[in-house]
Structures are given as structure tokens and as C-alpha cells.
Amino acid sequence: MRRTVTILMIGVGLTLTVVSYFFWATPWCATSVSCSNPRVPWTAALVVLGILIAFSAAIFYTVYKGRE
């Protein structure tokens, strides 16, 4: 169970980070002022949350020992 939860946490964290950065952040253009505004206003918080989830997987793997 420990390995499964750790892999899921890493997967969810990386997916949230990649989707937030590439699809919800600033559009890929550099010609107008509207290109500087993100599509979703809280995209930066979602990127940080994804990174925190992925890194907390290591903490979970270390702390949770399972049933003995």
C-alpha cells in the first residue's frame, strides 16, 4: 500500500503541475498585453500545490510503515 500511495501522490502532483503550467497558465504568444495574463488566476498556486504533493510523497513513504 505504501508504494501505491506514493506513486499515486507523485502522479497526481506531476499531473497537476504540468496541466497547470502548460494549459492554464499564460498563453503561448508574445505579441499583445493579453498574453501576459494567465487563463486561470490561481494557476501559480496550483503549480506550487502540485510540487508540494509530489515532494510530500517522499515524506509519506518514509513515515508510513504499514501494518506490522
C-alpha atoms as a PDB file:
ATOM      1  CA  MET A   1       0.000   0.000   0.000  1.00  0.00           C
ATOM      2  CA  ARG A   2       2.867   2.365   0.783  1.00  0.00           C
ATOM      3  CA  ARG A   3       4.284   2.084  -2.724  1.00  0.00           C
ATOM      4  CA  THR A   4       0.868   2.524  -4.356  1.00  0.00           C
ATOM      5  CA  VAL A   5       0.021   5.676  -2.411  1.00  0.00           C
ATOM      6  CA  THR A   6       3.479   7.110  -3.064  1.00  0.00           C
ATOM      7  CA  ILE A   7       3.221   6.505  -6.815  1.00  0.00           C
ATOM      8  CA  LEU A   8      -0.282   8.000  -6.852  1.00  0.00           C
ATOM      9  CA  MET A   9       0.894  11.094  -4.977  1.00  0.00           C
ATOM     10  CA  ILE A  10       3.778  11.598  -7.395  1.00  0.00           C
ATOM     11  CA  GLY A  11       1.479  11.076 -10.375  1.00  0.00           C
ATOM     12  CA  VAL A  12      -1.179  13.479  -9.104  1.00  0.00           C
ATOM     13  CA  GLY A  13       1.412  16.098  -8.194  1.00  0.00           C
ATOM     14  CA  LEU A  14       3.229  15.965 -11.518  1.00  0.00           C
ATOM     15  CA  THR A  15      -0.017  15.903 -13.492  1.00  0.00           C
ATOM     16  CA  LEU A  16      -1.367  18.915 -11.617  1.00  0.00           C
ATOM     17  CA  THR A  17       1.903  20.786 -12.137  1.00  0.00           C
ATOM     18  CA  VAL A  18       2.131  20.042 -15.861  1.00  0.00           C
ATOM     19  CA  VAL A  19      -1.536  20.762 -16.580  1.00  0.00           C
ATOM     20  CA  SER A  20      -1.439  23.981 -14.566  1.00  0.00           C
ATOM     21  CA  TYR A  21       1.725  25.204 -16.227  1.00  0.00           C
ATOM     22  CA  PHE A  22       1.040  24.282 -19.843  1.00  0.00           C
ATOM     23  CA  PHE A  23      -2.744  24.595 -20.143  1.00  0.00           C
ATOM     24  CA  TRP A  24      -3.934  27.071 -17.501  1.00  0.00           C
ATOM     25  CA  ALA A  25      -1.012  29.496 -17.369  1.00  0.00           C
ATOM     26  CA  THR A  26      -0.177  32.253 -19.793  1.00  0.00           C
ATOM     27  CA  PRO A  27      -0.974  31.533 -23.442  1.00  0.00           C
ATOM     28  CA  TRP A  28       1.966  30.865 -25.774  1.00  0.00           C
ATOM     29  CA  CYS A  29       2.179  34.231 -27.503  1.00  0.00           C
ATOM     30  CA  ALA A  30       4.314  37.311 -27.061  1.00  0.00           C
ATOM     31  CA  THR A  31       2.683  39.957 -29.193  1.00  0.00           C
ATOM     32  CA  SER A  32      -0.013  41.562 -27.041  1.00  0.00           C
ATOM     33  CA  VAL A  33      -0.771  42.621 -23.490  1.00  0.00           C
ATOM     34  CA  SER A  34      -3.448  39.925 -23.143  1.00  0.00           C
ATOM     35  CA  CYS A  35      -0.710  37.282 -23.399  1.00  0.00           C
ATOM     36  CA  SER A  36       0.679  38.315 -20.017  1.00  0.00           C
ATOM     37  CA  ASN A  37      -2.480  37.367 -18.103  1.00  0.00           C
ATOM     38  CA  PRO A  38      -2.976  33.701 -17.100  1.00  0.00           C
ATOM     39  CA  ARG A  39      -6.124  31.893 -18.225  1.00  0.00           C
ATOM     40  CA  VAL A  40      -6.854  30.804 -14.640  1.00  0.00           C
ATOM     41  CA  PRO A  41      -5.970  33.413 -11.982  1.00  0.00           C
ATOM     42  CA  TRP A  42      -4.756  30.927  -9.339  1.00  0.00           C
ATOM     43  CA  THR A  43      -2.538  28.892 -11.674  1.00  0.00           C
ATOM     44  CA  ALA A  44       0.628  29.690  -9.726  1.00  0.00           C
ATOM     45  CA  ALA A  45      -0.923  28.283  -6.554  1.00  0.00           C
ATOM     46  CA  LEU A  46      -1.861  25.080  -8.399  1.00  0.00           C
ATOM     47  CA  VAL A  47       1.690  24.648  -9.692  1.00  0.00           C
ATOM     48  CA  VAL A  48       3.049  25.036  -6.159  1.00  0.00           C
ATOM     49  CA  LEU A  49       0.406  22.647  -4.806  1.00  0.00           C
ATOM     50  CA  GLY A  50       1.377  20.032  -7.387  1.00  0.00           C
ATOM     51  CA  ILE A  51       5.034  20.314  -6.423  1.00  0.00           C
ATOM     52  CA  LEU A  52       4.153  20.043  -2.722  1.00  0.00           C
ATOM     53  CA  ILE A  53       2.085  16.914  -3.329  1.00  0.00           C
ATOM     54  CA  ALA A  54       4.887  15.294  -5.324  1.00  0.00           C
ATOM     55  CA  PHE A  55       7.545  16.104  -2.709  1.00  0.00           C
ATOM     56  CA  SER A  56       5.315  15.076   0.199  1.00  0.00           C
ATOM     57  CA  ALA A  57       5.209  11.589  -1.327  1.00  0.00           C
ATOM     58  CA  ALA A  58       8.760  11.089  -0.058  1.00  0.00           C
ATOM     59  CA  ILE A  59       7.685  12.118   3.435  1.00  0.00           C
ATOM     60  CA  PHE A  60       4.738   9.729   3.312  1.00  0.00           C
ATOM     61  CA  TYR A  61       6.939   6.875   2.109  1.00  0.00           C
ATOM     62  CA  THR A  62       9.402   7.472   4.939  1.00  0.00           C
ATOM     63  CA  VAL A  63       6.899   7.982   7.757  1.00  0.00           C
ATOM     64  CA  TYR A  64       4.239   5.387   6.936  1.00  0.00           C
ATOM     65  CA  LYS A  65       5.468   1.916   7.789  1.00  0.00           C
ATOM     66  CA  GLY A  66       2.248  -0.031   7.197  1.00  0.00           C
ATOM     67  CA  ARG A  67       0.818  -2.806   9.302  1.00  0.00           C
ATOM     68  CA  GLU A  68       3.238  -4.966  11.174  1.00  0.00           C
END
